[in-house]
Amino acid sequence: MTRLLLIALAACAGCQSIVLQCDIDAFVFEEVRGRQHVSCGVLSMSADGGVSQMAMEQAQRCVLDAFGRKEAFMIIYDIALAPEHKRVALTGLPGGAGGYVVQLWAYTGTAAPSGGDAGPRVSRQTCNASTGSPAFPALYVQPGCTVGPGKLCLECNRRTAGALLCGG
């Protein structure tokens, strides 16, 4: 056993260490990397409220337009939820045989006294269209919701059980 460990260490001499971060942006950018896609924004809240209502409305239109055309898209945005830091993303990717996959991503972490987030978690769920009667799209606008800072008012239809990608 010791001999195998030494062989493994010798084989990796010179390997660069890879640090995996529990970061929603990294997961989403990896999802769309190498694909032509529409970027509907990376919208961050700041201490003063950050993202305007107009920016969120434009982002919602961008997502709905790309979704309607079945084009690859991504959007990442913050949700104001003190003391937690919550960040949400949506991606849409064309699949084989004319399919199209929409995924809802979520990041949560509690603000740490030293800065940053403690206990970060990233999860992902797939949004599913219903082909029965009546048919429902995988993504829809929430009825009665007003778009504003931290509120895109888009909802994932018939979510699959989520997958925790990192954290815990």
Protein backbone atom coordinates (compact mmCIF):
# COMPACT_ATOMS: atom_id res chain seq x y z
CA MET A 1 0.00 0.00 0.00
CA THR A 2 2.78 2.42 0.89
CA ARG A 3 4.50 1.54 -2.39
CA LEU A 4 1.35 2.43 -4.38
CA LEU A 5 1.05 5.75 -2.56
CA LEU A 6 4.68 6.59 -3.37
CA ILE A 7 4.13 5.71 -7.02
CA ALA A 8 1.02 7.91 -7.14
CA LEU A 9 2.88 10.81 -5.48
CA ALA A 10 5.83 10.42 -7.87
CA ALA A 11 3.49 10.34 -10.87
CA CYS A 12 1.90 13.59 -9.73
CA ALA A 13 5.17 15.40 -8.96
CA GLY A 14 4.77 18.66 -10.83
CA CYS A 15 0.97 18.47 -10.95
CA GLN A 16 -0.72 21.74 -10.23
CA SER A 17 -3.13 21.67 -7.36
CA ILE A 18 -6.72 22.28 -8.37
CA VAL A 19 -8.86 24.19 -5.94
CA LEU A 20 -12.57 23.62 -6.43
CA GLN A 21 -14.73 26.46 -5.23
CA CYS A 22 -18.37 26.24 -4.35
CA ASP A 23 -19.19 29.07 -6.75
CA ILE A 24 -22.38 29.20 -8.85
CA ASP A 25 -20.77 31.45 -11.45
CA ALA A 26 -18.02 28.87 -12.09
CA PHE A 27 -20.58 26.05 -12.50
CA VAL A 28 -22.75 28.09 -14.89
CA PHE A 29 -19.84 29.34 -16.99
CA GLU A 30 -18.58 25.75 -17.23
CA GLU A 31 -22.06 24.65 -18.39
CA VAL A 32 -22.05 27.06 -21.35
CA ARG A 33 -18.30 27.03 -22.06
CA GLY A 34 -17.48 26.34 -25.69
CA ARG A 35 -21.09 26.86 -26.80
CA GLN A 36 -22.47 29.84 -28.60
CA HIS A 37 -24.94 31.34 -26.14
CA VAL A 38 -26.81 34.49 -25.25
CA SER A 39 -25.55 36.05 -22.03
CA CYS A 40 -28.52 37.72 -20.36
CA GLY A 41 -26.31 39.12 -17.62
CA VAL A 42 -24.47 38.56 -14.39
CA LEU A 43 -26.37 40.87 -12.06
CA SER A 44 -25.00 41.50 -8.57
CA MET A 45 -26.65 43.29 -5.69
CA SER A 46 -24.41 45.75 -3.89
CA ALA A 47 -24.78 47.42 -0.51
CA ASP A 48 -26.81 50.22 -2.12
CA GLY A 49 -29.29 47.93 -3.86
CA GLY A 50 -27.23 47.52 -7.01
CA VAL A 51 -29.29 46.20 -9.90
CA SER A 52 -32.03 48.45 -11.26
CA GLN A 53 -35.55 47.40 -12.15
CA MET A 54 -34.81 48.26 -15.78
CA ALA A 55 -31.77 45.93 -15.83
CA MET A 56 -33.87 43.09 -14.41
CA GLU A 57 -36.67 43.73 -16.94
CA GLN A 58 -34.13 43.63 -19.80
CA ALA A 59 -32.65 40.43 -18.39
CA GLN A 60 -36.09 38.80 -18.17
CA ARG A 61 -36.85 39.78 -21.80
CA CYS A 62 -33.48 38.39 -22.88
CA VAL A 63 -34.16 35.03 -21.19
CA LEU A 64 -37.69 34.79 -22.58
CA ASP A 65 -36.52 35.69 -26.10
CA ALA A 66 -33.68 33.12 -26.06
CA PHE A 67 -36.01 30.52 -24.51
CA GLY A 68 -38.68 31.20 -27.17
CA ARG A 69 -36.10 30.71 -29.94
CA LYS A 70 -34.59 27.65 -28.16
CA GLU A 71 -31.17 29.31 -28.14
CA ALA A 72 -28.54 28.60 -25.53
CA PHE A 73 -28.64 31.24 -22.78
CA MET A 74 -27.44 31.98 -19.28
CA ILE A 75 -28.24 34.49 -16.56
CA ILE A 76 -26.94 34.81 -13.01
CA TYR A 77 -28.40 37.20 -10.45
CA ASP A 78 -28.46 37.93 -6.72
CA ILE A 79 -31.53 37.78 -4.52
CA ALA A 80 -31.68 39.98 -1.43
CA LEU A 81 -32.21 37.59 1.46
CA ALA A 82 -30.37 38.75 4.62
CA PRO A 83 -28.45 37.29 6.40
CA GLU A 84 -28.03 34.74 3.61
CA HIS A 85 -26.42 35.46 0.29
CA LYS A 86 -28.52 33.84 -2.41
CA ARG A 87 -27.60 33.78 -6.06
CA VAL A 88 -29.69 32.15 -8.76
CA ALA A 89 -28.97 31.21 -12.36
CA LEU A 90 -30.89 29.85 -15.31
CA THR A 91 -29.39 28.12 -18.32
CA GLY A 92 -31.05 26.88 -21.46
CA LEU A 93 -29.24 24.53 -23.82
CA PRO A 94 -30.38 22.85 -27.01
CA GLY A 95 -30.05 19.07 -26.82
CA GLY A 96 -30.09 16.21 -29.27
CA ALA A 97 -33.08 15.41 -31.47
CA GLY A 98 -34.48 18.94 -31.17
CA GLY A 99 -34.63 18.81 -27.37
CA TYR A 100 -33.99 21.76 -25.09
CA VAL A 101 -32.92 21.65 -21.43
CA VAL A 102 -33.56 24.46 -18.94
CA GLN A 103 -31.81 24.28 -15.58
CA LEU A 104 -32.29 26.31 -12.40
CA TRP A 105 -29.15 26.80 -10.30
CA ALA A 106 -29.08 28.08 -6.71
CA TYR A 107 -26.30 29.28 -4.42
CA THR A 108 -26.78 29.97 -0.72
CA GLY A 109 -24.30 30.97 1.92
CA THR A 110 -24.51 32.77 5.24
CA ALA A 111 -22.45 35.94 5.57
CA ALA A 112 -19.31 35.22 7.60
CA PRO A 113 -18.03 37.81 10.11
CA SER A 114 -14.64 37.80 8.36
CA GLY A 115 -16.22 38.46 4.96
CA GLY A 116 -17.32 36.09 2.25
CA ASP A 117 -19.81 33.32 2.90
CA ALA A 118 -19.80 30.48 5.41
CA GLY A 119 -21.27 27.14 4.42
CA PRO A 120 -21.78 27.83 0.72
CA ARG A 121 -23.95 25.38 -1.28
CA VAL A 122 -24.67 25.11 -4.99
CA SER A 123 -27.52 22.98 -6.32
CA ARG A 124 -29.13 22.41 -9.70
CA GLN A 125 -32.61 21.33 -10.83
CA THR A 126 -33.94 20.62 -14.30
CA CYS A 127 -37.11 22.38 -15.44
CA ASN A 128 -39.47 20.12 -17.36
CA ALA A 129 -42.07 20.88 -19.98
CA SER A 130 -45.35 19.03 -19.89
CA THR A 131 -46.53 17.62 -23.20
CA GLY A 132 -49.88 16.43 -21.89
CA SER A 133 -53.10 18.35 -21.93
CA PRO A 134 -52.70 21.16 -21.14
CA ALA A 135 -49.04 21.53 -22.23
CA PHE A 136 -46.76 23.73 -20.11
CA PRO A 137 -43.34 25.12 -21.04
CA ALA A 138 -40.30 24.35 -18.90
CA LEU A 139 -40.06 28.03 -17.90
CA TYR A 140 -42.82 30.57 -17.30
CA VAL A 141 -43.46 34.06 -15.92
CA GLN A 142 -44.86 34.01 -12.38
CA PRO A 143 -48.40 35.43 -12.43
CA GLY A 144 -48.78 38.65 -10.42
CA CYS A 145 -45.01 39.05 -9.91
CA THR A 146 -43.38 42.44 -10.51
CA VAL A 147 -39.83 42.34 -11.85
CA GLY A 148 -37.38 44.34 -9.75
CA PRO A 149 -33.96 44.18 -8.12
CA GLY A 150 -33.37 40.53 -7.22
CA LYS A 151 -36.70 39.44 -8.77
CA LEU A 152 -36.68 38.04 -12.30
CA CYS A 153 -40.20 36.57 -11.90
CA LEU A 154 -39.38 33.46 -13.92
CA GLU A 155 -40.28 30.05 -12.54
CA CYS A 156 -39.09 26.58 -13.34
CA ASN A 157 -41.95 24.22 -14.25
CA ARG A 158 -42.12 20.66 -12.90
CA ARG A 159 -38.66 20.64 -11.27
CA THR A 160 -36.79 17.40 -10.98
CA ALA A 161 -35.25 16.46 -7.66
CA GLY A 162 -32.27 18.73 -7.25
CA ALA A 163 -28.65 17.73 -7.16
CA LEU A 164 -26.33 19.23 -4.56
CA LEU A 165 -23.17 20.06 -6.53
CA CYS A 166 -21.02 21.27 -3.64
CA GLY A 167 -21.25 22.31 0.00
CA GLY A 168 -23.44 20.73 2.54
